[in-house]
Amino acid sequence: YSRIRQDPRHCDVRDLYTGYADLRAYPDWQMACRPLIAS
């Protein structure tokens, strides 16, 4: 996350949630990616 915050390709980084869980939500995804139509 520290590396991401320093990446110049984006700005206005806003923390939405930080928490802890017993298990991963995405155990098999080194990074899944999905495009969305935001509007």
Full PDB file with SEQRES, HELIX, SHEET, SSBOND, CRYST1, ORIGX, SCALE, CONECT and MASTER records, all heavy atoms in Angstrom:
SEQRES   1 A   39  TYR SER ARG ILE ARG GLN ASP PRO ARG HIS CYS ASP VAL          
SEQRES   2 A   39  ARG ASP LEU TYR THR GLY TYR ALA ASP LEU ARG ALA TYR          
SEQRES   3 A   39  PRO ASP TRP GLN MET ALA CYS ARG PRO LEU ILE ALA SER          
HELIX    1 AA1 SER A    2  ARG A    5  1                                   4    
CRYST1    1.000    1.000    1.000  90.00  90.00  90.00 P 1           1          
ORIGX1      1.000000  0.000000  0.000000        0.00000                         
ORIGX2      0.000000  1.000000  0.000000        0.00000                         
ORIGX3      0.000000  0.000000  1.000000        0.00000                         
SCALE1      1.000000  0.000000  0.000000        0.00000                         
SCALE2      0.000000  1.000000  0.000000        0.00000                         
SCALE3      0.000000  0.000000  1.000000        0.00000                         
ATOM      1  N   TYR A   1       0.832  -1.206   0.000  1.00  0.00           N  
ATOM      2  CA  TYR A   1       0.000   0.000   0.000  1.00  0.00           C  
ATOM      3  C   TYR A   1       0.869   1.259   0.000  1.00  0.00           C  
ATOM      4  O   TYR A   1       0.541   2.244  -0.683  1.00  0.00           O  
ATOM      5  CB  TYR A   1      -0.960  -0.016   1.188  1.00  0.00           C  
ATOM      6  CG  TYR A   1      -1.995   1.078   1.142  1.00  0.00           C  
ATOM      7  CD1 TYR A   1      -2.703   1.367  -0.018  1.00  0.00           C  
ATOM      8  CD2 TYR A   1      -2.271   1.835   2.271  1.00  0.00           C  
ATOM      9  CE1 TYR A   1      -3.657   2.363  -0.060  1.00  0.00           C  
ATOM     10  CE2 TYR A   1      -3.232   2.832   2.241  1.00  0.00           C  
ATOM     11  CZ  TYR A   1      -3.915   3.099   1.070  1.00  0.00           C  
ATOM     12  OH  TYR A   1      -4.864   4.097   1.037  1.00  0.00           O  
ATOM     13  N   SER A   2       1.974   1.244   0.686  1.00  0.00           N  
ATOM     14  CA  SER A   2       2.883   2.381   0.682  1.00  0.00           C  
ATOM     15  C   SER A   2       3.411   2.641  -0.730  1.00  0.00           C  
ATOM     16  O   SER A   2       3.489   3.785  -1.180  1.00  0.00           O  
ATOM     17  CB  SER A   2       4.046   2.115   1.644  1.00  0.00           C  
ATOM     18  OG  SER A   2       4.989   3.151   1.578  1.00  0.00           O  
ATOM     19  N   ARG A   3       3.746   1.576  -1.440  1.00  0.00           N  
ATOM     20  CA  ARG A   3       4.216   1.716  -2.826  1.00  0.00           C  
ATOM     21  C   ARG A   3       3.109   2.286  -3.716  1.00  0.00           C  
ATOM     22  O   ARG A   3       3.367   3.125  -4.581  1.00  0.00           O  
ATOM     23  CB  ARG A   3       4.660   0.365  -3.373  1.00  0.00           C  
ATOM     24  CG  ARG A   3       5.926  -0.156  -2.744  1.00  0.00           C  
ATOM     25  CD  ARG A   3       6.229  -1.548  -3.251  1.00  0.00           C  
ATOM     26  NE  ARG A   3       7.392  -2.096  -2.593  1.00  0.00           N  
ATOM     27  CZ  ARG A   3       8.328  -2.787  -3.205  1.00  0.00           C  
ATOM     28  NH1 ARG A   3       8.233  -3.047  -4.495  1.00  0.00           N  
ATOM     29  NH2 ARG A   3       9.357  -3.239  -2.526  1.00  0.00           N  
ATOM     30  N   ILE A   4       1.891   1.813  -3.516  1.00  0.00           N  
ATOM     31  CA  ILE A   4       0.762   2.287  -4.319  1.00  0.00           C  
ATOM     32  C   ILE A   4       0.545   3.781  -4.086  1.00  0.00           C  
ATOM     33  O   ILE A   4       0.326   4.541  -5.030  1.00  0.00           O  
ATOM     34  CB  ILE A   4      -0.513   1.486  -3.968  1.00  0.00           C  
ATOM     35  CG1 ILE A   4      -0.392   0.065  -4.514  1.00  0.00           C  
ATOM     36  CG2 ILE A   4      -1.762   2.182  -4.479  1.00  0.00           C  
ATOM     37  CD1 ILE A   4      -1.437  -0.898  -3.998  1.00  0.00           C  
ATOM     38  N   ARG A   5       0.589   4.207  -2.838  1.00  0.00           N  
ATOM     39  CA  ARG A   5       0.353   5.618  -2.502  1.00  0.00           C  
ATOM     40  C   ARG A   5       1.378   6.542  -3.160  1.00  0.00           C  
ATOM     41  O   ARG A   5       1.100   7.710  -3.401  1.00  0.00           O  
ATOM     42  CB  ARG A   5       0.350   5.818  -1.001  1.00  0.00           C  
ATOM     43  CG  ARG A   5      -0.860   5.184  -0.320  1.00  0.00           C  
ATOM     44  CD  ARG A   5      -0.910   5.476   1.162  1.00  0.00           C  
ATOM     45  NE  ARG A   5      -1.152   6.873   1.424  1.00  0.00           N  
ATOM     46  CZ  ARG A   5      -2.346   7.467   1.420  1.00  0.00           C  
ATOM     47  NH1 ARG A   5      -3.414   6.768   1.171  1.00  0.00           N  
ATOM     48  NH2 ARG A   5      -2.463   8.753   1.678  1.00  0.00           N  
ATOM     49  N   GLN A   6       2.562   6.022  -3.475  1.00  0.00           N  
ATOM     50  CA  GLN A   6       3.618   6.828  -4.085  1.00  0.00           C  
ATOM     51  C   GLN A   6       3.610   6.765  -5.616  1.00  0.00           C  
ATOM     52  O   GLN A   6       4.374   7.474  -6.267  1.00  0.00           O  
ATOM     53  CB  GLN A   6       4.977   6.370  -3.564  1.00  0.00           C  
ATOM     54  CG  GLN A   6       5.143   6.603  -2.075  1.00  0.00           C  
ATOM     55  CD  GLN A   6       6.415   5.989  -1.533  1.00  0.00           C  
ATOM     56  OE1 GLN A   6       7.404   5.842  -2.240  1.00  0.00           O  
ATOM     57  NE2 GLN A   6       6.397   5.623  -0.260  1.00  0.00           N  
ATOM     58  N   ASP A   7       2.751   5.960  -6.188  1.00  0.00           N  
ATOM     59  CA  ASP A   7       2.695   5.790  -7.638  1.00  0.00           C  
ATOM     60  C   ASP A   7       2.135   7.065  -8.281  1.00  0.00           C  
ATOM     61  O   ASP A   7       1.019   7.476  -7.967  1.00  0.00           O  
ATOM     62  CB  ASP A   7       1.803   4.586  -7.973  1.00  0.00           C  
ATOM     63  CG  ASP A   7       1.845   4.211  -9.436  1.00  0.00           C  
ATOM     64  OD1 ASP A   7       1.946   5.110 -10.302  1.00  0.00           O  
ATOM     65  OD2 ASP A   7       1.750   3.015  -9.725  1.00  0.00           O  
ATOM     66  N   PRO A   8       2.872   7.698  -9.191  1.00  0.00           N  
ATOM     67  CA  PRO A   8       2.422   8.960  -9.788  1.00  0.00           C  
ATOM     68  C   PRO A   8       1.278   8.818 -10.795  1.00  0.00           C  
ATOM     69  O   PRO A   8       0.747   9.826 -11.252  1.00  0.00           O  
ATOM     70  CB  PRO A   8       3.684   9.495 -10.469  1.00  0.00           C  
ATOM     71  CG  PRO A   8       4.474   8.272 -10.803  1.00  0.00           C  
ATOM     72  CD  PRO A   8       4.196   7.302  -9.669  1.00  0.00           C  
ATOM     73  N   ARG A   9       0.885   7.593 -11.115  1.00  0.00           N  
ATOM     74  CA  ARG A   9      -0.202   7.412 -12.076  1.00  0.00           C  
ATOM     75  C   ARG A   9      -1.574   7.675 -11.476  1.00  0.00           C  
ATOM     76  O   ARG A   9      -2.574   7.670 -12.186  1.00  0.00           O  
ATOM     77  CB  ARG A   9      -0.173   6.011 -12.672  1.00  0.00           C  
ATOM     78  CG  ARG A   9       1.032   5.772 -13.573  1.00  0.00           C  
ATOM     79  CD  ARG A   9       1.093   4.354 -14.000  1.00  0.00           C  
ATOM     80  NE  ARG A   9       1.422   3.519 -12.841  1.00  0.00           N  
ATOM     81  CZ  ARG A   9       1.750   2.244 -12.901  1.00  0.00           C  
ATOM     82  NH1 ARG A   9       1.783   1.639 -14.073  1.00  0.00           N  
ATOM     83  NH2 ARG A   9       2.045   1.569 -11.819  1.00  0.00           N  
ATOM     84  N   HIS A  10      -1.617   7.900 -10.160  1.00  0.00           N  
ATOM     85  CA  HIS A  10      -2.899   8.224  -9.552  1.00  0.00           C  
ATOM     86  C   HIS A  10      -2.710   9.200  -8.393  1.00  0.00           C  
ATOM     87  O   HIS A  10      -1.611   9.419  -7.907  1.00  0.00           O  
ATOM     88  CB  HIS A  10      -3.682   6.976  -9.136  1.00  0.00           C  
ATOM     89  CG  HIS A  10      -3.017   6.128  -8.123  1.00  0.00           C  
ATOM     90  ND1 HIS A  10      -3.681   5.235  -7.351  1.00  0.00           N  
ATOM     91  CD2 HIS A  10      -1.727   6.039  -7.726  1.00  0.00           C  
ATOM     92  CE1 HIS A  10      -2.856   4.626  -6.543  1.00  0.00           C  
ATOM     93  NE2 HIS A  10      -1.666   5.090  -6.756  1.00  0.00           N  
ATOM     94  N   CYS A  11      -3.816   9.826  -8.015  1.00  0.00           N  
ATOM     95  CA  CYS A  11      -3.795  10.826  -6.956  1.00  0.00           C  
ATOM     96  C   CYS A  11      -5.076  10.682  -6.136  1.00  0.00           C  
ATOM     97  O   CYS A  11      -5.901   9.828  -6.419  1.00  0.00           O  
ATOM     98  CB  CYS A  11      -3.698  12.235  -7.537  1.00  0.00           C  
ATOM     99  SG  CYS A  11      -5.142  12.709  -8.521  1.00  0.00           S  
ATOM    100  N   ASP A  12      -5.224  11.547  -5.163  1.00  0.00           N  
ATOM    101  CA  ASP A  12      -6.433  11.559  -4.338  1.00  0.00           C  
ATOM    102  C   ASP A  12      -6.722  10.168  -3.772  1.00  0.00           C  
ATOM    103  O   ASP A  12      -7.847   9.671  -3.834  1.00  0.00           O  
ATOM    104  CB  ASP A  12      -7.621  12.093  -5.146  1.00  0.00           C  
ATOM    105  CG  ASP A  12      -8.798  12.480  -4.270  1.00  0.00           C  
ATOM    106  OD1 ASP A  12      -8.598  12.720  -3.062  1.00  0.00           O  
ATOM    107  OD2 ASP A  12      -9.931  12.512  -4.788  1.00  0.00           O  
ATOM    108  N   VAL A  13      -5.658   9.518  -3.266  1.00  0.00           N  
ATOM    109  CA  VAL A  13      -5.811   8.186  -2.683  1.00  0.00           C  
ATOM    110  C   VAL A  13      -6.576   8.340  -1.374  1.00  0.00           C  
ATOM    111  O   VAL A  13      -6.176   9.093  -0.498  1.00  0.00           O  
ATOM    112  CB  VAL A  13      -4.440   7.524  -2.432  1.00  0.00           C  
ATOM    113  CG1 VAL A  13      -4.615   6.152  -1.805  1.00  0.00           C  
ATOM    114  CG2 VAL A  13      -3.653   7.422  -3.740  1.00  0.00           C  
ATOM    115  N   ARG A  14      -7.682   7.629  -1.275  1.00  0.00           N  
ATOM    116  CA  ARG A  14      -8.540   7.734  -0.097  1.00  0.00           C  
ATOM    117  C   ARG A  14      -8.726   6.363   0.539  1.00  0.00           C  
ATOM    118  O   ARG A  14      -9.200   5.432  -0.116  1.00  0.00           O  
ATOM    119  CB  ARG A  14      -9.894   8.302  -0.506  1.00  0.00           C  
ATOM    120  CG  ARG A  14     -10.822   8.468   0.661  1.00  0.00           C  
ATOM    121  CD  ARG A  14     -12.054   9.221   0.290  1.00  0.00           C  
ATOM    122  NE  ARG A  14     -12.936   9.240   1.444  1.00  0.00           N  
ATOM    123  CZ  ARG A  14     -14.223   9.448   1.384  1.00  0.00           C  
ATOM    124  NH1 ARG A  14     -14.801   9.687   0.229  1.00  0.00           N  
ATOM    125  NH2 ARG A  14     -14.951   9.433   2.467  1.00  0.00           N  
ATOM    126  N   ASP A  15      -8.350   6.245   1.807  1.00  0.00           N  
ATOM    127  CA  ASP A  15      -8.567   5.002   2.543  1.00  0.00           C  
ATOM    128  C   ASP A  15     -10.056   4.845   2.794  1.00  0.00           C  
ATOM    129  O   ASP A  15     -10.698   5.747   3.325  1.00  0.00           O  
ATOM    130  CB  ASP A  15      -7.841   5.038   3.893  1.00  0.00           C  
ATOM    131  CG  ASP A  15      -6.336   5.187   3.743  1.00  0.00           C  
ATOM    132  OD1 ASP A  15      -5.818   4.949   2.649  1.00  0.00           O  
ATOM    133  OD2 ASP A  15      -5.687   5.553   4.742  1.00  0.00           O  
ATOM    134  N   LEU A  16     -10.603   3.703   2.404  1.00  0.00           N  
ATOM    135  CA  LEU A  16     -12.026   3.441   2.616  1.00  0.00           C  
ATOM    136  C   LEU A  16     -12.266   2.486   3.776  1.00  0.00           C  
ATOM    137  O   LEU A  16     -13.260   2.599   4.480  1.00  0.00           O  
ATOM    138  CB  LEU A  16     -12.652   2.857   1.348  1.00  0.00           C  
ATOM    139  CG  LEU A  16     -12.542   3.703   0.093  1.00  0.00           C  
ATOM    140  CD1 LEU A  16     -13.214   3.006  -1.068  1.00  0.00           C  
ATOM    141  CD2 LEU A  16     -13.138   5.078   0.309  1.00  0.00           C  
ATOM    142  N   TYR A  17     -11.352   1.532   3.940  1.00  0.00           N  
ATOM    143  CA  TYR A  17     -11.537   0.548   5.000  1.00  0.00           C  
ATOM    144  C   TYR A  17     -10.209  -0.110   5.311  1.00  0.00           C  
ATOM    145  O   TYR A  17      -9.448  -0.454   4.409  1.00  0.00           O  
ATOM    146  CB  TYR A  17     -12.540  -0.526   4.565  1.00  0.00           C  
ATOM    147  CG  TYR A  17     -12.691  -1.646   5.566  1.00  0.00           C  
ATOM    148  CD1 TYR A  17     -13.471  -1.489   6.700  1.00  0.00           C  
ATOM    149  CD2 TYR A  17     -12.034  -2.858   5.375  1.00  0.00           C  
ATOM    150  CE1 TYR A  17     -13.590  -2.516   7.631  1.00  0.00           C  
ATOM    151  CE2 TYR A  17     -12.157  -3.888   6.295  1.00  0.00           C  
ATOM    152  CZ  TYR A  17     -12.932  -3.708   7.416  1.00  0.00           C  
ATOM    153  OH  TYR A  17     -13.050  -4.717   8.346  1.00  0.00           O  
ATOM    154  N   THR A  18      -9.927  -0.280   6.579  1.00  0.00           N  
ATOM    155  CA  THR A  18      -8.815  -1.100   7.037  1.00  0.00           C  
ATOM    156  C   THR A  18      -9.353  -1.979   8.153  1.00  0.00           C  
ATOM    157  O   THR A  18      -9.989  -1.477   9.089  1.00  0.00           O  
ATOM    158  CB  THR A  18      -7.653  -0.240   7.583  1.00  0.00           C  
ATOM    159  OG1 THR A  18      -7.176   0.597   6.526  1.00  0.00           O  
ATOM    160  CG2 THR A  18      -6.509  -1.121   8.074  1.00  0.00           C  
ATOM    161  N   GLY A  19      -9.158  -3.273   8.027  1.00  0.00           N  
ATOM    162  CA  GLY A  19      -9.653  -4.198   9.033  1.00  0.00           C  
ATOM    163  C   GLY A  19      -8.896  -5.508   8.975  1.00  0.00           C  
ATOM    164  O   GLY A  19      -7.934  -5.655   8.213  1.00  0.00           O  
ATOM    165  N   TYR A  20      -9.340  -6.442   9.783  1.00  0.00           N  
ATOM    166  CA  TYR A  20      -8.675  -7.741   9.888  1.00  0.00           C  
ATOM    167  C   TYR A  20      -9.707  -8.845   9.756  1.00  0.00           C  
ATOM    168  O   TYR A  20     -10.855  -8.687  10.165  1.00  0.00           O  
ATOM    169  CB  TYR A  20      -7.934  -7.846  11.230  1.00  0.00           C  
ATOM    170  CG  TYR A  20      -6.826  -6.843  11.331  1.00  0.00           C  
ATOM    171  CD1 TYR A  20      -7.071  -5.551  11.790  1.00  0.00           C  
ATOM    172  CD2 TYR A  20      -5.538  -7.168  10.920  1.00  0.00           C  
ATOM    173  CE1 TYR A  20      -6.046  -4.618  11.857  1.00  0.00           C  
ATOM    174  CE2 TYR A  20      -4.516  -6.233  10.983  1.00  0.00           C  
ATOM    175  CZ  TYR A  20      -4.785  -4.959  11.447  1.00  0.00           C  
ATOM    176  OH  TYR A  20      -3.783  -4.035  11.494  1.00  0.00           O  
ATOM    177  N   ALA A  21      -9.286  -9.954   9.178  1.00  0.00           N  
ATOM    178  CA  ALA A  21     -10.170 -11.102   8.987  1.00  0.00           C  
ATOM    179  C   ALA A  21      -9.384 -12.372   9.301  1.00  0.00           C  
ATOM    180  O   ALA A  21      -8.145 -12.378   9.274  1.00  0.00           O  
ATOM    181  CB  ALA A  21     -10.682 -11.148   7.550  1.00  0.00           C  
ATOM    182  N   ASP A  22     -10.113 -13.426   9.594  1.00  0.00           N  
ATOM    183  CA  ASP A  22      -9.460 -14.714   9.834  1.00  0.00           C  
ATOM    184  C   ASP A  22      -8.987 -15.350   8.533  1.00  0.00           C  
ATOM    185  O   ASP A  22      -7.967 -16.034   8.501  1.00  0.00           O  
ATOM    186  CB  ASP A  22     -10.417 -15.673  10.550  1.00  0.00           C  
ATOM    187  CG  ASP A  22     -10.719 -15.227  11.965  1.00  0.00           C  
ATOM    188  OD1 ASP A  22      -9.831 -14.611  12.607  1.00  0.00           O  
ATOM    189  OD2 ASP A  22     -11.842 -15.468  12.435  1.00  0.00           O  
ATOM    190  N   LEU A  23      -9.731 -15.116   7.454  1.00  0.00           N  
ATOM    191  CA  LEU A  23      -9.421 -15.713   6.156  1.00  0.00           C  
ATOM    192  C   LEU A  23      -9.408 -14.646   5.078  1.00  0.00           C  
ATOM    193  O   LEU A  23     -10.102 -13.630   5.186  1.00  0.00           O  
ATOM    194  CB  LEU A  23     -10.470 -16.771   5.795  1.00  0.00           C  
ATOM    195  CG  LEU A  23     -10.614 -17.946   6.758  1.00  0.00           C  
ATOM    196  CD1 LEU A  23     -11.812 -18.796   6.369  1.00  0.00           C  
ATOM    197  CD2 LEU A  23      -9.336 -18.787   6.765  1.00  0.00           C  
ATOM    198  N   ARG A  24      -8.673 -14.904   4.019  1.00  0.00           N  
ATOM    199  CA  ARG A  24      -8.650 -14.000   2.868  1.00  0.00           C  
ATOM    200  C   ARG A  24      -9.958 -14.088   2.087  1.00  0.00           C  
ATOM    201  O   ARG A  24     -10.524 -15.170   1.933  1.00  0.00           O  
ATOM    202  CB  ARG A  24      -7.504 -14.359   1.934  1.00  0.00           C  
ATOM    203  CG  ARG A  24      -6.127 -14.138   2.517  1.00  0.00           C  
ATOM    204  CD  ARG A  24      -5.067 -14.677   1.562  1.00  0.00           C  
ATOM    205  NE  ARG A  24      -3.760 -14.623   2.161  1.00  0.00           N  
ATOM    206  CZ  ARG A  24      -2.814 -13.750   1.811  1.00  0.00           C  
ATOM    207  NH1 ARG A  24      -3.049 -12.887   0.848  1.00  0.00           N  
ATOM    208  NH2 ARG A  24      -1.645 -13.752   2.413  1.00  0.00           N  
ATOM    209  N   ALA A  25     -10.382 -12.975   1.556  1.00  0.00           N  
ATOM    210  CA  ALA A  25     -11.539 -12.952   0.660  1.00  0.00           C  
ATOM    211  C   ALA A  25     -11.143 -13.442  -0.736  1.00  0.00           C  
ATOM    212  O   ALA A  25     -11.962 -13.978  -1.463  1.00  0.00           O  
ATOM    213  CB  ALA A  25     -12.119 -11.540   0.579  1.00  0.00           C  
ATOM    214  N   TYR A  26      -9.878 -13.245  -1.110  1.00  0.00           N  
ATOM    215  CA  TYR A  26      -9.386 -13.588  -2.448  1.00  0.00           C  
ATOM    216  C   TYR A  26      -8.114 -14.425  -2.343  1.00  0.00           C  
ATOM    217  O   TYR A  26      -7.035 -13.998  -2.775  1.00  0.00           O  
ATOM    218  CB  TYR A  26      -9.116 -12.302  -3.247  1.00  0.00           C  
ATOM    219  CG  TYR A  26     -10.308 -11.383  -3.260  1.00  0.00           C  
ATOM    220  CD1 TYR A  26     -10.357 -10.268  -2.433  1.00  0.00           C  
ATOM    221  CD2 TYR A  26     -11.401 -11.650  -4.065  1.00  0.00           C  
ATOM    222  CE1 TYR A  26     -11.465  -9.438  -2.424  1.00  0.00           C  
ATOM    223  CE2 TYR A  26     -12.504 -10.828  -4.055  1.00  0.00           C  
ATOM    224  CZ  TYR A  26     -12.530  -9.726  -3.235  1.00  0.00           C  
ATOM    225  OH  TYR A  26     -13.627  -8.913  -3.223  1.00  0.00           O  
ATOM    226  N   PRO A  27      -8.189 -15.634  -1.786  1.00  0.00           N  
ATOM    227  CA  PRO A  27      -6.971 -16.413  -1.514  1.00  0.00           C  
ATOM    228  C   PRO A  27      -6.185 -16.813  -2.758  1.00  0.00           C  
ATOM    229  O   PRO A  27      -4.974 -17.012  -2.672  1.00  0.00           O  
ATOM    230  CB  PRO A  27      -7.490 -17.641  -0.777  1.00  0.00           C  
ATOM    231  CG  PRO A  27      -8.921 -17.776  -1.190  1.00  0.00           C  
ATOM    232  CD  PRO A  27      -9.390 -16.365  -1.409  1.00  0.00           C  
ATOM    233  N   ASP A  28      -6.836 -16.909  -3.892  1.00  0.00           N  
ATOM    234  CA  ASP A  28      -6.163 -17.390  -5.101  1.00  0.00           C  
ATOM    235  C   ASP A  28      -5.870 -16.289  -6.112  1.00  0.00           C  
ATOM    236  O   ASP A  28      -5.430 -16.580  -7.216  1.00  0.00           O  
ATOM    237  CB  ASP A  28      -7.011 -18.473  -5.770  1.00  0.00           C  
ATOM    238  CG  ASP A  28      -7.241 -19.658  -4.849  1.00  0.00           C  
ATOM    239  OD1 ASP A  28      -6.301 -20.034  -4.121  1.00  0.00           O  
ATOM    240  OD2 ASP A  28      -8.366 -20.190  -4.844  1.00  0.00           O  
ATOM    241  N   TRP A  29      -6.123 -15.037  -5.759  1.00  0.00           N  
ATOM    242  CA  TRP A  29      -5.956 -13.946  -6.717  1.00  0.00           C  
ATOM    243  C   TRP A  29      -4.800 -13.046  -6.304  1.00  0.00           C  
ATOM    244  O   TRP A  29      -4.938 -12.240  -5.388  1.00  0.00           O  
ATOM    245  CB  TRP A  29      -7.224 -13.101  -6.792  1.00  0.00           C  
ATOM    246  CG  TRP A  29      -8.412 -13.787  -7.367  1.00  0.00           C  
ATOM    247  CD1 TRP A  29      -8.481 -15.033  -7.908  1.00  0.00           C  
ATOM    248  CD2 TRP A  29      -9.731 -13.257  -7.452  1.00  0.00           C  
ATOM    249  NE1 TRP A  29      -9.751 -15.311  -8.327  1.00  0.00           N  
ATOM    250  CE2 TRP A  29     -10.546 -14.232  -8.061  1.00  0.00           C  
ATOM    251  CE3 TRP A  29     -10.310 -12.054  -7.077  1.00  0.00           C  
ATOM    252  CZ2 TRP A  29     -11.895 -14.039  -8.308  1.00  0.00           C  
ATOM    253  CZ3 TRP A  29     -11.659 -11.859  -7.319  1.00  0.00           C  
ATOM    254  CH2 TRP A  29     -12.430 -12.842  -7.935  1.00  0.00           C  
ATOM    255  N   GLN A  30      -3.642 -13.167  -6.984  1.00  0.00           N  
ATOM    256  CA  GLN A  30      -2.547 -12.241  -6.703  1.00  0.00           C  
ATOM    257  C   GLN A  30      -2.994 -10.816  -6.997  1.00  0.00           C  
ATOM    258  O   GLN A  30      -2.544  -9.889  -6.372  1.00  0.00           O  
ATOM    259  CB  GLN A  30      -1.294 -12.594  -7.510  1.00  0.00           C  
ATOM    260  CG  GLN A  30      -0.442 -13.659  -6.864  1.00  0.00           C  
ATOM    261  CD  GLN A  30      -1.159 -14.985  -6.748  1.00  0.00           C  
ATOM    262  OE1 GLN A  30      -1.820 -15.428  -7.685  1.00  0.00           O  
ATOM    263  NE2 GLN A  30      -1.046 -15.610  -5.602  1.00  0.00           N  
ATOM    264  N   MET A  31      -3.875 -10.666  -7.953  1.00  0.00           N  
ATOM    265  CA  MET A  31      -4.591  -9.412  -8.182  1.00  0.00           C  
ATOM    266  C   MET A  31      -5.562  -9.649  -9.324  1.00  0.00           C  
ATOM    267  O   MET A  31      -5.175  -9.695 -10.479  1.00  0.00           O  
ATOM    268  CB  MET A  31      -3.649  -8.251  -8.528  1.00  0.00           C  
ATOM    269  CG  MET A  31      -4.366  -6.911  -8.630  1.00  0.00           C  
ATOM    270  SD  MET A  31      -5.423  -6.486  -7.202  1.00  0.00           S  
ATOM    271  CE  MET A  31      -4.305  -6.567  -5.848  1.00  0.00           C  
ATOM    272  N   ALA A  32      -6.811  -9.830  -8.963  1.00  0.00           N  
ATOM    273  CA  ALA A  32      -7.845  -9.928  -9.978  1.00  0.00           C  
ATOM    274  C   ALA A  32      -8.199  -8.514 -10.413  1.00  0.00           C  
ATOM    275  O   ALA A  32      -7.987  -7.554  -9.671  1.00  0.00           O  
ATOM    276  CB  ALA A  32      -9.077 -10.632  -9.413  1.00  0.00           C  
ATOM    277  N   CYS A  33      -8.729  -8.385 -11.591  1.00  0.00           N  
ATOM    278  CA  CYS A  33      -9.027  -7.053 -12.117  1.00  0.00           C  
ATOM    279  C   CYS A  33     -10.346  -7.096 -12.867  1.00  0.00           C  
ATOM    280  O   CYS A  33     -10.586  -8.014 -13.659  1.00  0.00           O  
ATOM    281  CB  CYS A  33      -7.897  -6.624 -13.043  1.00  0.00           C  
ATOM    282  SG  CYS A  33      -8.059  -4.968 -13.685  1.00  0.00           S  
ATOM    283  N   ARG A  34     -11.184  -6.111 -12.609  1.00  0.00           N  
ATOM    284  CA  ARG A  34     -12.464  -6.022 -13.290  1.00  0.00           C  
ATOM    285  C   ARG A  34     -12.715  -4.590 -13.740  1.00  0.00           C  
ATOM    286  O   ARG A  34     -12.629  -3.667 -12.930  1.00  0.00           O  
ATOM    287  CB  ARG A  34     -13.614  -6.431 -12.355  1.00  0.00           C  
ATOM    288  CG  ARG A  34     -13.532  -7.855 -11.852  1.00  0.00           C  
ATOM    289  CD  ARG A  34     -13.868  -8.850 -12.963  1.00  0.00           C  
ATOM    290  NE  ARG A  34     -13.873 -10.188 -12.442  1.00  0.00           N  
ATOM    291  CZ  ARG A  34     -12.867 -11.038 -12.533  1.00  0.00           C  
ATOM    292  NH1 ARG A  34     -11.761 -10.675 -13.094  1.00  0.00           N  
ATOM    293  NH2 ARG A  34     -12.955 -12.260 -12.061  1.00  0.00           N  
ATOM    294  N   PRO A  35     -13.031  -4.383 -15.008  1.00  0.00           N  
ATOM    295  CA  PRO A  35     -13.424  -3.043 -15.445  1.00  0.00           C  
ATOM    296  C   PRO A  35     -14.886  -2.799 -15.071  1.00  0.00           C  
ATOM    297  O   PRO A  35     -15.703  -3.717 -15.089  1.00  0.00           O  
ATOM    298  CB  PRO A  35     -13.244  -3.105 -16.959  1.00  0.00           C  
ATOM    299  CG  PRO A  35     -13.457  -4.550 -17.294  1.00  0.00           C  
ATOM    300  CD  PRO A  35     -12.971  -5.340 -16.105  1.00  0.00           C  
ATOM    301  N   LEU A  36     -15.196  -1.583 -14.711  1.00  0.00           N  
ATOM    302  CA  LEU A  36     -16.572  -1.207 -14.397  1.00  0.00           C  
ATOM    303  C   LEU A  36     -16.937   0.029 -15.194  1.00  0.00           C  
ATOM    304  O   LEU A  36     -16.081   0.846 -15.507  1.00  0.00           O  
ATOM    305  CB  LEU A  36     -16.728  -0.874 -12.914  1.00  0.00           C  
ATOM    306  CG  LEU A  36     -16.402  -1.968 -11.911  1.00  0.00           C  
ATOM    307  CD1 LEU A  36     -16.550  -1.414 -10.508  1.00  0.00           C  
ATOM    308  CD2 LEU A  36     -17.309  -3.163 -12.104  1.00  0.00           C  
ATOM    309  N   ILE A  37     -18.194   0.160 -15.484  1.00  0.00           N  
ATOM    310  CA  ILE A  37     -18.706   1.409 -16.020  1.00  0.00           C  
ATOM    311  C   ILE A  37     -19.231   2.164 -14.809  1.00  0.00           C  
ATOM    312  O   ILE A  37     -20.247   1.791 -14.228  1.00  0.00           O  
ATOM    313  CB  ILE A  37     -19.806   1.175 -17.065  1.00  0.00           C  
ATOM    314  CG1 ILE A  37     -19.231   0.400 -18.253  1.00  0.00           C  
ATOM    315  CG2 ILE A  37     -20.395   2.503 -17.521  1.00  0.00           C  
ATOM    316  CD1 ILE A  37     -20.253  -0.024 -19.278  1.00  0.00           C  
ATOM    317  N   ALA A  38     -18.495   3.179 -14.400  1.00  0.00           N  
ATOM    318  CA  ALA A  38     -18.759   3.823 -13.114  1.00  0.00           C  
ATOM    319  C   ALA A  38     -19.996   4.712 -13.117  1.00  0.00           C  
ATOM    320  O   ALA A  38     -20.464   5.102 -12.075  1.00  0.00           O  
ATOM    321  CB  ALA A  38     -17.549   4.629 -12.672  1.00  0.00           C  
ATOM    322  N   SER A  39     -20.536   5.065 -14.261  1.00  0.00           N  
ATOM    323  CA  SER A  39     -21.719   5.925 -14.289  1.00  0.00           C  
ATOM    324  C   SER A  39     -22.859   5.196 -14.987  1.00  0.00           C  
ATOM    325  O   SER A  39     -23.011   5.286 -16.190  1.00  0.00           O  
ATOM    326  CB  SER A  39     -21.417   7.232 -15.019  1.00  0.00           C  
ATOM    327  OG  SER A  39     -20.397   7.932 -14.375  1.00  0.00           O  
TER     328      SER A  39                                                      
MASTER        0    0    0    1    0    0    0    6  327    1    0    3          
END                                                                             
